[in-house]
Amino acid sequence: MRYVLAALMEDAGEDGINLTEEDIGSLFMLFKTEIEVLDKRA
């Protein structure tokens, strides 16, 4: 989870991607849910 959060929080300005805090929170929750689902399937 630490890696996912760090990847979302890093400066994406170089890539031309502008994320709001709300976008980052939504993406984090999406990725967190995906990781939990995949972990239960393993």
PDB file of N, CA and C in Angstrom:
ATOM      1  N   MET A   1       0.823  -1.188   0.000  1.00  0.00           N
ATOM      2  CA  MET A   1       0.000   0.000   0.000  1.00  0.00           C
ATOM      3  C   MET A   1       0.871   1.258   0.000  1.00  0.00           C
ATOM      4  N   ARG A   2       2.004   1.164   0.666  1.00  0.00           N
ATOM      5  CA  ARG A   2       2.894   2.320   0.713  1.00  0.00           C
ATOM      6  C   ARG A   2       3.370   2.690  -0.692  1.00  0.00           C
ATOM      7  N   TYR A   3       3.668   1.668  -1.508  1.00  0.00           N
ATOM      8  CA  TYR A   3       4.120   1.925  -2.875  1.00  0.00           C
ATOM      9  C   TYR A   3       3.019   2.583  -3.704  1.00  0.00           C
ATOM     10  N   VAL A   4       1.791   2.099  -3.571  1.00  0.00           N
ATOM     11  CA  VAL A   4       0.668   2.664  -4.322  1.00  0.00           C
ATOM     12  C   VAL A   4       0.484   4.131  -3.960  1.00  0.00           C
ATOM     13  N   LEU A   5       0.508   4.429  -2.687  1.00  0.00           N
ATOM     14  CA  LEU A   5       0.341   5.811  -2.250  1.00  0.00           C
ATOM     15  C   LEU A   5       1.494   6.682  -2.739  1.00  0.00           C
ATOM     16  N   ALA A   6       2.710   6.178  -2.642  1.00  0.00           N
ATOM     17  CA  ALA A   6       3.870   6.955  -3.099  1.00  0.00           C
ATOM     18  C   ALA A   6       3.787   7.211  -4.597  1.00  0.00           C
ATOM     19  N   ALA A   7       3.364   6.221  -5.359  1.00  0.00           N
ATOM     20  CA  ALA A   7       3.245   6.390  -6.805  1.00  0.00           C
ATOM     21  C   ALA A   7       2.182   7.420  -7.155  1.00  0.00           C
ATOM     22  N   LEU A   8       1.097   7.439  -6.419  1.00  0.00           N
ATOM     23  CA  LEU A   8       0.046   8.420  -6.682  1.00  0.00           C
ATOM     24  C   LEU A   8       0.454   9.829  -6.267  1.00  0.00           C
ATOM     25  N   MET A   9       1.242   9.931  -5.217  1.00  0.00           N
ATOM     26  CA  MET A   9       1.596  11.241  -4.672  1.00  0.00           C
ATOM     27  C   MET A   9       2.794  11.880  -5.369  1.00  0.00           C
ATOM     28  N   GLU A  10       3.598  11.068  -6.083  1.00  0.00           N
ATOM     29  CA  GLU A  10       4.785  11.644  -6.709  1.00  0.00           C
ATOM     30  C   GLU A  10       4.388  12.662  -7.769  1.00  0.00           C
ATOM     31  N   ASP A  11       5.277  13.557  -8.055  1.00  0.00           N
ATOM     32  CA  ASP A  11       4.994  14.636  -8.998  1.00  0.00           C
ATOM     33  C   ASP A  11       4.805  14.078 -10.398  1.00  0.00           C
ATOM     34  N   ALA A  12       3.586  14.129 -10.883  1.00  0.00           N
ATOM     35  CA  ALA A  12       3.276  13.639 -12.216  1.00  0.00           C
ATOM     36  C   ALA A  12       3.333  14.762 -13.242  1.00  0.00           C
ATOM     37  N   GLY A  13       3.812  15.923 -12.856  1.00  0.00           N
ATOM     38  CA  GLY A  13       3.901  17.064 -13.749  1.00  0.00           C
ATOM     39  C   GLY A  13       4.751  16.793 -14.970  1.00  0.00           C
ATOM     40  N   GLU A  14       5.775  15.954 -14.792  1.00  0.00           N
ATOM     41  CA  GLU A  14       6.641  15.607 -15.920  1.00  0.00           C
ATOM     42  C   GLU A  14       5.865  14.876 -17.000  1.00  0.00           C
ATOM     43  N   ASP A  15       4.867  14.105 -16.599  1.00  0.00           N
ATOM     44  CA  ASP A  15       4.075  13.329 -17.536  1.00  0.00           C
ATOM     45  C   ASP A  15       2.866  14.108 -18.049  1.00  0.00           C
ATOM     46  N   GLY A  16       2.669  15.306 -17.557  1.00  0.00           N
ATOM     47  CA  GLY A  16       1.536  16.114 -17.976  1.00  0.00           C
ATOM     48  C   GLY A  16       0.222  15.688 -17.346  1.00  0.00           C
ATOM     49  N   ILE A  17       0.305  14.980 -16.205  1.00  0.00           N
ATOM     50  CA  ILE A  17      -0.893  14.492 -15.521  1.00  0.00           C
ATOM     51  C   ILE A  17      -1.114  15.355 -14.279  1.00  0.00           C
ATOM     52  N   ASN A  18      -2.285  15.931 -14.184  1.00  0.00           N
ATOM     53  CA  ASN A  18      -2.626  16.753 -13.020  1.00  0.00           C
ATOM     54  C   ASN A  18      -3.755  16.074 -12.247  1.00  0.00           C
ATOM     55  N   LEU A  19      -3.447  15.602 -11.047  1.00  0.00           N
ATOM     56  CA  LEU A  19      -4.437  14.938 -10.210  1.00  0.00           C
ATOM     57  C   LEU A  19      -4.784  15.823  -9.032  1.00  0.00           C
ATOM     58  N   THR A  20      -6.072  15.930  -8.741  1.00  0.00           N
ATOM     59  CA  THR A  20      -6.505  16.649  -7.549  1.00  0.00           C
ATOM     60  C   THR A  20      -6.393  15.710  -6.357  1.00  0.00           C
ATOM     61  N   GLU A  21      -6.525  16.250  -5.158  1.00  0.00           N
ATOM     62  CA  GLU A  21      -6.498  15.403  -3.961  1.00  0.00           C
ATOM     63  C   GLU A  21      -7.652  14.409  -3.991  1.00  0.00           C
ATOM     64  N   GLU A  22      -8.789  14.826  -4.518  1.00  0.00           N
ATOM     65  CA  GLU A  22      -9.942  13.940  -4.630  1.00  0.00           C
ATOM     66  C   GLU A  22      -9.644  12.795  -5.608  1.00  0.00           C
ATOM     67  N   ASP A  23      -8.985  13.104  -6.720  1.00  0.00           N
ATOM     68  CA  ASP A  23      -8.602  12.073  -7.689  1.00  0.00           C
ATOM     69  C   ASP A  23      -7.659  11.057  -7.051  1.00  0.00           C
ATOM     70  N   ILE A  24      -6.683  11.563  -6.317  1.00  0.00           N
ATOM     71  CA  ILE A  24      -5.709  10.690  -5.659  1.00  0.00           C
ATOM     72  C   ILE A  24      -6.412   9.788  -4.642  1.00  0.00           C
ATOM     73  N   GLY A  25      -7.332  10.351  -3.866  1.00  0.00           N
ATOM     74  CA  GLY A  25      -8.077   9.552  -2.886  1.00  0.00           C
ATOM     75  C   GLY A  25      -8.921   8.482  -3.547  1.00  0.00           C
ATOM     76  N   SER A  26      -9.587   8.831  -4.638  1.00  0.00           N
ATOM     77  CA  SER A  26     -10.424   7.855  -5.354  1.00  0.00           C
ATOM     78  C   SER A  26      -9.577   6.743  -5.952  1.00  0.00           C
ATOM     79  N   LEU A  27      -8.463   7.106  -6.570  1.00  0.00           N
ATOM     80  CA  LEU A  27      -7.580   6.092  -7.151  1.00  0.00           C
ATOM     81  C   LEU A  27      -6.992   5.186  -6.076  1.00  0.00           C
ATOM     82  N   PHE A  28      -6.622   5.765  -4.927  1.00  0.00           N
ATOM     83  CA  PHE A  28      -6.077   4.959  -3.847  1.00  0.00           C
ATOM     84  C   PHE A  28      -7.098   3.924  -3.383  1.00  0.00           C
ATOM     85  N   MET A  29      -8.344   4.348  -3.203  1.00  0.00           N
ATOM     86  CA  MET A  29      -9.380   3.419  -2.755  1.00  0.00           C
ATOM     87  C   MET A  29      -9.628   2.325  -3.799  1.00  0.00           C
ATOM     88  N   LEU A  30      -9.601   2.690  -5.077  1.00  0.00           N
ATOM     89  CA  LEU A  30      -9.773   1.715  -6.145  1.00  0.00           C
ATOM     90  C   LEU A  30      -8.655   0.685  -6.125  1.00  0.00           C
ATOM     91  N   PHE A  31      -7.402   1.155  -6.066  1.00  0.00           N
ATOM     92  CA  PHE A  31      -6.268   0.239  -6.043  1.00  0.00           C
ATOM     93  C   PHE A  31      -6.258  -0.610  -4.778  1.00  0.00           C
ATOM     94  N   LYS A  32      -6.620  -0.024  -3.655  1.00  0.00           N
ATOM     95  CA  LYS A  32      -6.674  -0.770  -2.382  1.00  0.00           C
ATOM     96  C   LYS A  32      -7.676  -1.915  -2.484  1.00  0.00           C
ATOM     97  N   THR A  33      -8.839  -1.629  -3.050  1.00  0.00           N
ATOM     98  CA  THR A  33      -9.861  -2.659  -3.211  1.00  0.00           C
ATOM     99  C   THR A  33      -9.384  -3.757  -4.150  1.00  0.00           C
ATOM    100  N   GLU A  34      -8.769  -3.364  -5.256  1.00  0.00           N
ATOM    101  CA  GLU A  34      -8.239  -4.350  -6.216  1.00  0.00           C
ATOM    102  C   GLU A  34      -7.193  -5.260  -5.560  1.00  0.00           C
ATOM    103  N   ILE A  35      -6.295  -4.680  -4.786  1.00  0.00           N
ATOM    104  CA  ILE A  35      -5.260  -5.470  -4.119  1.00  0.00           C
ATOM    105  C   ILE A  35      -5.888  -6.445  -3.130  1.00  0.00           C
ATOM    106  N   GLU A  36      -6.879  -5.996  -2.367  1.00  0.00           N
ATOM    107  CA  GLU A  36      -7.547  -6.877  -1.401  1.00  0.00           C
ATOM    108  C   GLU A  36      -8.266  -8.027  -2.105  1.00  0.00           C
ATOM    109  N   VAL A  37      -8.939  -7.745  -3.201  1.00  0.00           N
ATOM    110  CA  VAL A  37      -9.645  -8.792  -3.949  1.00  0.00           C
ATOM    111  C   VAL A  37      -8.651  -9.807  -4.505  1.00  0.00           C
ATOM    112  N   LEU A  38      -7.588  -9.320  -5.115  1.00  0.00           N
ATOM    113  CA  LEU A  38      -6.591 -10.230  -5.678  1.00  0.00           C
ATOM    114  C   LEU A  38      -5.894 -11.040  -4.584  1.00  0.00           C
ATOM    115  N   ASP A  39      -5.678 -10.439  -3.417  1.00  0.00           N
ATOM    116  CA  ASP A  39      -5.036 -11.144  -2.310  1.00  0.00           C
ATOM    117  C   ASP A  39      -5.936 -12.276  -1.811  1.00  0.00           C
ATOM    118  N   LYS A  40      -7.239 -12.047  -1.770  1.00  0.00           N
ATOM    119  CA  LYS A  40      -8.166 -13.102  -1.317  1.00  0.00           C
ATOM    120  C   LYS A  40      -8.253 -14.241  -2.322  1.00  0.00           C
ATOM    121  N   ARG A  41      -8.063 -13.944  -3.613  1.00  0.00           N
ATOM    122  CA  ARG A  41      -8.144 -14.959  -4.664  1.00  0.00           C
ATOM    123  C   ARG A  41      -6.892 -15.836  -4.695  1.00  0.00           C
ATOM    124  N   ALA A  42      -5.776 -15.335  -4.143  1.00  0.00           N
ATOM    125  CA  ALA A  42      -4.511 -16.071  -4.203  1.00  0.00           C
ATOM    126  C   ALA A  42      -4.458 -17.206  -3.231  1.00  0.00           C
TER     127      ALA A  42
END
